[in-house]
């Protein structure tokens, strides 16, 4: 019988796999993208060198 921690871990893995399989190819089509772009631009000095692809980062944050 699986422990509570194992059941939680299995549930998290299922959720992550489900979300990653529906991850959009183009982050620019996100309806919240304009807000996220403005937000990220406000902190661009802090993100410099840490974020390679803004559209992908926006998709992740959504």
PDB file of N, CA and C in Angstrom:
ATOM      1  N   UNK A   1       0.847  -1.187   0.000  1.00  0.00           N
ATOM      2  CA  UNK A   1       0.000   0.000   0.000  1.00  0.00           C
ATOM      3  C   UNK A   1       0.894   1.253   0.000  1.00  0.00           C
ATOM      4  N   UNK A   2       0.534   2.212  -0.821  1.00  0.00           N
ATOM      5  CA  UNK A   2       1.312   3.442  -0.954  1.00  0.00           C
ATOM      6  C   UNK A   2       1.104   4.341   0.264  1.00  0.00           C
ATOM      7  N   UNK A   3       2.156   4.997   0.645  1.00  0.00           N
ATOM      8  CA  UNK A   3       2.052   5.935   1.761  1.00  0.00           C
ATOM      9  C   UNK A   3       1.413   7.229   1.275  1.00  0.00           C
ATOM     10  N   UNK A   4       1.039   8.059   2.237  1.00  0.00           N
ATOM     11  CA  UNK A   4       0.420   9.341   1.898  1.00  0.00           C
ATOM     12  C   UNK A   4       1.367  10.196   1.044  1.00  0.00           C
ATOM     13  N   UNK A   5       2.664  10.198   1.396  1.00  0.00           N
ATOM     14  CA  UNK A   5       3.648  10.979   0.627  1.00  0.00           C
ATOM     15  C   UNK A   5       3.750  10.462  -0.801  1.00  0.00           C
ATOM     16  N   UNK A   6       3.720   9.149  -0.978  1.00  0.00           N
ATOM     17  CA  UNK A   6       3.799   8.571  -2.327  1.00  0.00           C
ATOM     18  C   UNK A   6       2.576   8.934  -3.150  1.00  0.00           C
ATOM     19  N   UNK A   7       1.392   8.912  -2.527  1.00  0.00           N
ATOM     20  CA  UNK A   7       0.163   9.286  -3.238  1.00  0.00           C
ATOM     21  C   UNK A   7       0.203  10.756  -3.653  1.00  0.00           C
ATOM     22  N   UNK A   8       0.699  11.604  -2.770  1.00  0.00           N
ATOM     23  CA  UNK A   8       0.820  13.030  -3.095  1.00  0.00           C
ATOM     24  C   UNK A   8       1.816  13.214  -4.243  1.00  0.00           C
ATOM     25  N   UNK A   9       2.942  12.534  -4.176  1.00  0.00           N
ATOM     26  CA  UNK A   9       3.957  12.635  -5.234  1.00  0.00           C
ATOM     27  C   UNK A   9       3.392  12.171  -6.575  1.00  0.00           C
ATOM     28  N   UNK A  10       2.649  11.070  -6.573  1.00  0.00           N
ATOM     29  CA  UNK A  10       2.051  10.563  -7.813  1.00  0.00           C
ATOM     30  C   UNK A  10       1.040  11.561  -8.379  1.00  0.00           C
ATOM     31  N   UNK A  11       0.264  12.186  -7.517  1.00  0.00           N
ATOM     32  CA  UNK A  11      -0.713  13.183  -7.962  1.00  0.00           C
ATOM     33  C   UNK A  11      -0.013  14.392  -8.573  1.00  0.00           C
ATOM     34  N   UNK A  12       1.054  14.840  -7.943  1.00  0.00           N
ATOM     35  CA  UNK A  12       1.804  15.988  -8.463  1.00  0.00           C
ATOM     36  C   UNK A  12       2.394  15.663  -9.830  1.00  0.00           C
ATOM     37  N   UNK A  13       2.955  14.473  -9.977  1.00  0.00           N
ATOM     38  CA  UNK A  13       3.531  14.070 -11.263  1.00  0.00           C
ATOM     39  C   UNK A  13       2.450  14.051 -12.337  1.00  0.00           C
ATOM     40  N   UNK A  14       1.285  13.506 -12.038  1.00  0.00           N
ATOM     41  CA  UNK A  14       0.180  13.466 -13.011  1.00  0.00           C
ATOM     42  C   UNK A  14      -0.235  14.878 -13.431  1.00  0.00           C
ATOM     43  N   UNK A  15      -0.322  15.776 -12.467  1.00  0.00           N
ATOM     44  CA  UNK A  15      -0.712  17.157 -12.770  1.00  0.00           C
ATOM     45  C   UNK A  15       0.342  17.836 -13.641  1.00  0.00           C
ATOM     46  N   UNK A  16       1.608  17.680 -13.281  1.00  0.00           N
ATOM     47  CA  UNK A  16       2.682  18.303 -14.068  1.00  0.00           C
ATOM     48  C   UNK A  16       2.726  17.758 -15.492  1.00  0.00           C
ATOM     49  N   UNK A  17       2.581  16.456 -15.655  1.00  0.00           N
ATOM     50  CA  UNK A  17       2.585  15.858 -16.989  1.00  0.00           C
ATOM     51  C   UNK A  17       1.411  16.393 -17.795  1.00  0.00           C
ATOM     52  N   UNK A  18       0.256  16.500 -17.162  1.00  0.00           N
ATOM     53  CA  UNK A  18      -0.929  17.021 -17.845  1.00  0.00           C
ATOM     54  C   UNK A  18      -0.710  18.467 -18.296  1.00  0.00           C
ATOM     55  N   UNK A  19      -0.161  19.296 -17.414  1.00  0.00           N
ATOM     56  CA  UNK A  19       0.075  20.702 -17.767  1.00  0.00           C
ATOM     57  C   UNK A  19       1.146  20.843 -18.838  1.00  0.00           C
ATOM     58  N   UNK A  20       2.203  20.060 -18.746  1.00  0.00           N
ATOM     59  CA  UNK A  20       3.275  20.154 -19.733  1.00  0.00           C
ATOM     60  C   UNK A  20       2.828  19.668 -21.104  1.00  0.00           C
ATOM     61  N   UNK A  21       1.915  18.701 -21.145  1.00  0.00           N
ATOM     62  CA  UNK A  21       1.441  18.208 -22.442  1.00  0.00           C
ATOM     63  C   UNK A  21       0.558  19.233 -23.139  1.00  0.00           C
ATOM     64  N   UNK A  22      -0.028  20.146 -22.382  1.00  0.00           N
ATOM     65  CA  UNK A  22      -0.872  21.176 -22.992  1.00  0.00           C
ATOM     66  C   UNK A  22      -0.168  22.532 -23.035  1.00  0.00           C
ATOM     67  N   UNK A  23       1.150  22.535 -22.807  1.00  0.00           N
ATOM     68  CA  UNK A  23       1.936  23.761 -22.828  1.00  0.00           C
ATOM     69  C   UNK A  23       1.908  24.358 -24.225  1.00  0.00           C
ATOM     70  N   UNK A  24       1.537  25.637 -24.363  1.00  0.00           N
ATOM     71  CA  UNK A  24       1.433  26.240 -25.701  1.00  0.00           C
ATOM     72  C   UNK A  24       2.795  26.370 -26.379  1.00  0.00           C
ATOM     73  N   UNK A  25       2.802  26.149 -27.678  1.00  0.00           N
ATOM     74  CA  UNK A  25       4.036  26.290 -28.461  1.00  0.00           C
ATOM     75  C   UNK A  25       4.448  27.754 -28.574  1.00  0.00           C
ATOM     76  N   UNK A  26       3.464  28.647 -28.683  1.00  0.00           N
ATOM     77  CA  UNK A  26       3.743  30.072 -28.858  1.00  0.00           C
ATOM     78  C   UNK A  26       3.181  30.847 -27.667  1.00  0.00           C
ATOM     79  N   UNK A  27       4.054  31.341 -26.818  1.00  0.00           N
ATOM     80  CA  UNK A  27       3.636  32.068 -25.631  1.00  0.00           C
ATOM     81  C   UNK A  27       3.012  33.415 -25.920  1.00  0.00           C
ATOM     82  N   UNK A  28       3.130  33.914 -27.133  1.00  0.00           N
ATOM     83  CA  UNK A  28       2.559  35.212 -27.469  1.00  0.00           C
ATOM     84  C   UNK A  28       1.042  35.192 -27.588  1.00  0.00           C
ATOM     85  N   UNK A  29       0.460  34.017 -27.700  1.00  0.00           N
ATOM     86  CA  UNK A  29      -0.995  33.918 -27.850  1.00  0.00           C
ATOM     87  C   UNK A  29      -1.725  33.875 -26.515  1.00  0.00           C
ATOM     88  N   UNK A  30      -1.027  34.013 -25.437  1.00  0.00           N
ATOM     89  CA  UNK A  30      -1.624  33.997 -24.114  1.00  0.00           C
ATOM     90  C   UNK A  30      -2.409  35.284 -23.901  1.00  0.00           C
ATOM     91  N   UNK A  31      -3.646  35.179 -23.439  1.00  0.00           N
ATOM     92  CA  UNK A  31      -4.469  36.385 -23.274  1.00  0.00           C
ATOM     93  C   UNK A  31      -3.931  37.323 -22.202  1.00  0.00           C
ATOM     94  N   UNK A  32      -3.136  36.791 -21.272  1.00  0.00           N
ATOM     95  CA  UNK A  32      -2.548  37.619 -20.220  1.00  0.00           C
ATOM     96  C   UNK A  32      -1.167  38.138 -20.587  1.00  0.00           C
ATOM     97  N   UNK A  33      -0.702  37.806 -21.777  1.00  0.00           N
ATOM     98  CA  UNK A  33       0.651  38.166 -22.189  1.00  0.00           C
ATOM     99  C   UNK A  33       0.940  39.664 -22.060  1.00  0.00           C
ATOM    100  N   UNK A  34       0.046  40.570 -22.467  1.00  0.00           N
ATOM    101  CA  UNK A  34       0.374  42.001 -22.344  1.00  0.00           C
ATOM    102  C   UNK A  34       0.669  42.412 -20.901  1.00  0.00           C
ATOM    103  N   UNK A  35      -0.100  41.895 -19.950  1.00  0.00           N
ATOM    104  CA  UNK A  35       0.151  42.203 -18.543  1.00  0.00           C
ATOM    105  C   UNK A  35       1.499  41.642 -18.109  1.00  0.00           C
ATOM    106  N   UNK A  36       1.760  40.396 -18.473  1.00  0.00           N
ATOM    107  CA  UNK A  36       3.012  39.763 -18.060  1.00  0.00           C
ATOM    108  C   UNK A  36       4.224  40.443 -18.692  1.00  0.00           C
ATOM    109  N   UNK A  37       4.101  40.848 -19.939  1.00  0.00           N
ATOM    110  CA  UNK A  37       5.208  41.555 -20.594  1.00  0.00           C
ATOM    111  C   UNK A  37       5.483  42.856 -19.849  1.00  0.00           C
ATOM    112  N   UNK A  38       4.441  43.606 -19.525  1.00  0.00           N
ATOM    113  CA  UNK A  38       4.627  44.866 -18.801  1.00  0.00           C
ATOM    114  C   UNK A  38       5.252  44.610 -17.432  1.00  0.00           C
ATOM    115  N   UNK A  39       4.793  43.577 -16.757  1.00  0.00           N
ATOM    116  CA  UNK A  39       5.317  43.231 -15.439  1.00  0.00           C
ATOM    117  C   UNK A  39       6.789  42.843 -15.531  1.00  0.00           C
ATOM    118  N   UNK A  40       7.104  41.983 -16.506  1.00  0.00           N
ATOM    119  CA  UNK A  40       8.494  41.546 -16.662  1.00  0.00           C
ATOM    120  C   UNK A  40       9.410  42.700 -17.077  1.00  0.00           C
ATOM    121  N   UNK A  41       8.890  43.604 -17.899  1.00  0.00           N
ATOM    122  CA  UNK A  41       9.700  44.761 -18.298  1.00  0.00           C
ATOM    123  C   UNK A  41      10.021  45.646 -17.098  1.00  0.00           C
ATOM    124  N   UNK A  42       9.094  45.724 -16.159  1.00  0.00           N
ATOM    125  CA  UNK A  42       9.324  46.535 -14.964  1.00  0.00           C
ATOM    126  C   UNK A  42      10.474  45.985 -14.128  1.00  0.00           C
ATOM    127  N   UNK A  43      10.709  44.674 -14.235  1.00  0.00           N
ATOM    128  CA  UNK A  43      11.769  44.038 -13.467  1.00  0.00           C
ATOM    129  C   UNK A  43      12.880  43.492 -14.364  1.00  0.00           C
ATOM    130  N   UNK A  44      13.004  44.039 -15.561  1.00  0.00           N
ATOM    131  CA  UNK A  44      13.966  43.514 -16.524  1.00  0.00           C
ATOM    132  C   UNK A  44      15.402  43.581 -16.008  1.00  0.00           C
ATOM    133  N   UNK A  45      15.701  44.598 -15.203  1.00  0.00           N
ATOM    134  CA  UNK A  45      17.064  44.691 -14.667  1.00  0.00           C
ATOM    135  C   UNK A  45      17.373  43.527 -13.727  1.00  0.00           C
ATOM    136  N   UNK A  46      16.370  43.034 -13.012  1.00  0.00           N
ATOM    137  CA  UNK A  46      16.564  41.904 -12.095  1.00  0.00           C
ATOM    138  C   UNK A  46      16.598  40.571 -12.848  1.00  0.00           C
ATOM    139  N   UNK A  47      15.939  40.518 -14.015  1.00  0.00           N
ATOM    140  CA  UNK A  47      15.848  39.274 -14.781  1.00  0.00           C
ATOM    141  C   UNK A  47      16.965  39.128 -15.804  1.00  0.00           C
ATOM    142  N   UNK A  48      17.750  40.166 -15.974  1.00  0.00           N
ATOM    143  CA  UNK A  48      18.799  40.158 -16.989  1.00  0.00           C
ATOM    144  C   UNK A  48      19.715  38.948 -16.808  1.00  0.00           C
ATOM    145  N   UNK A  49      19.801  38.132 -17.854  1.00  0.00           N
ATOM    146  CA  UNK A  49      20.644  36.955 -17.827  1.00  0.00           C
ATOM    147  C   UNK A  49      19.989  35.735 -17.191  1.00  0.00           C
ATOM    148  N   UNK A  50      18.789  35.896 -16.652  1.00  0.00           N
ATOM    149  CA  UNK A  50      18.101  34.781 -15.990  1.00  0.00           C
ATOM    150  C   UNK A  50      16.952  34.216 -16.818  1.00  0.00           C
ATOM    151  N   UNK A  51      16.389  35.037 -17.689  1.00  0.00           N
ATOM    152  CA  UNK A  51      15.265  34.610 -18.526  1.00  0.00           C
ATOM    153  C   UNK A  51      15.726  34.666 -19.970  1.00  0.00           C
ATOM    154  N   UNK A  52      15.735  33.509 -20.630  1.00  0.00           N
ATOM    155  CA  UNK A  52      16.216  33.452 -22.015  1.00  0.00           C
ATOM    156  C   UNK A  52      15.125  33.783 -23.015  1.00  0.00           C
ATOM    157  N   UNK A  53      13.910  33.302 -22.764  1.00  0.00           N
ATOM    158  CA  UNK A  53      12.832  33.452 -23.736  1.00  0.00           C
ATOM    159  C   UNK A  53      11.594  33.993 -23.026  1.00  0.00           C
ATOM    160  N   UNK A  54      11.327  35.282 -23.211  1.00  0.00           N
ATOM    161  CA  UNK A  54      10.211  35.933 -22.513  1.00  0.00           C
ATOM    162  C   UNK A  54       8.869  35.262 -22.822  1.00  0.00           C
ATOM    163  N   UNK A  55       8.516  34.963 -24.093  1.00  0.00           N
ATOM    164  CA  UNK A  55       7.221  34.309 -24.336  1.00  0.00           C
ATOM    165  C   UNK A  55       7.068  32.968 -23.603  1.00  0.00           C
ATOM    166  N   UNK A  56       8.118  32.166 -23.571  1.00  0.00           N
ATOM    167  CA  UNK A  56       8.040  30.902 -22.824  1.00  0.00           C
ATOM    168  C   UNK A  56       7.889  31.158 -21.340  1.00  0.00           C
ATOM    169  N   UNK A  57       8.589  32.134 -20.838  1.00  0.00           N
ATOM    170  CA  UNK A  57       8.502  32.491 -19.426  1.00  0.00           C
ATOM    171  C   UNK A  57       7.091  32.979 -19.087  1.00  0.00           C
ATOM    172  N   UNK A  58       6.494  33.737 -19.986  1.00  0.00           N
ATOM    173  CA  UNK A  58       5.126  34.207 -19.786  1.00  0.00           C
ATOM    174  C   UNK A  58       4.167  33.021 -19.750  1.00  0.00           C
ATOM    175  N   UNK A  59       4.342  32.066 -20.648  1.00  0.00           N
ATOM    176  CA  UNK A  59       3.486  30.883 -20.652  1.00  0.00           C
ATOM    177  C   UNK A  59       3.611  30.106 -19.356  1.00  0.00           C
ATOM    178  N   UNK A  60       4.814  29.983 -18.840  1.00  0.00           N
ATOM    179  CA  UNK A  60       5.016  29.295 -17.569  1.00  0.00           C
ATOM    180  C   UNK A  60       4.331  30.010 -16.432  1.00  0.00           C
ATOM    181  N   UNK A  61       4.387  31.322 -16.445  1.00  0.00           N
ATOM    182  CA  UNK A  61       3.799  32.076 -15.353  1.00  0.00           C
ATOM    183  C   UNK A  61       2.281  32.092 -15.406  1.00  0.00           C
ATOM    184  N   UNK A  62       1.735  31.731 -16.530  1.00  0.00           N
ATOM    185  CA  UNK A  62       0.274  31.682 -16.646  1.00  0.00           C
ATOM    186  C   UNK A  62      -0.229  30.351 -16.201  1.00  0.00           C
TER     187      UNK A  62
END
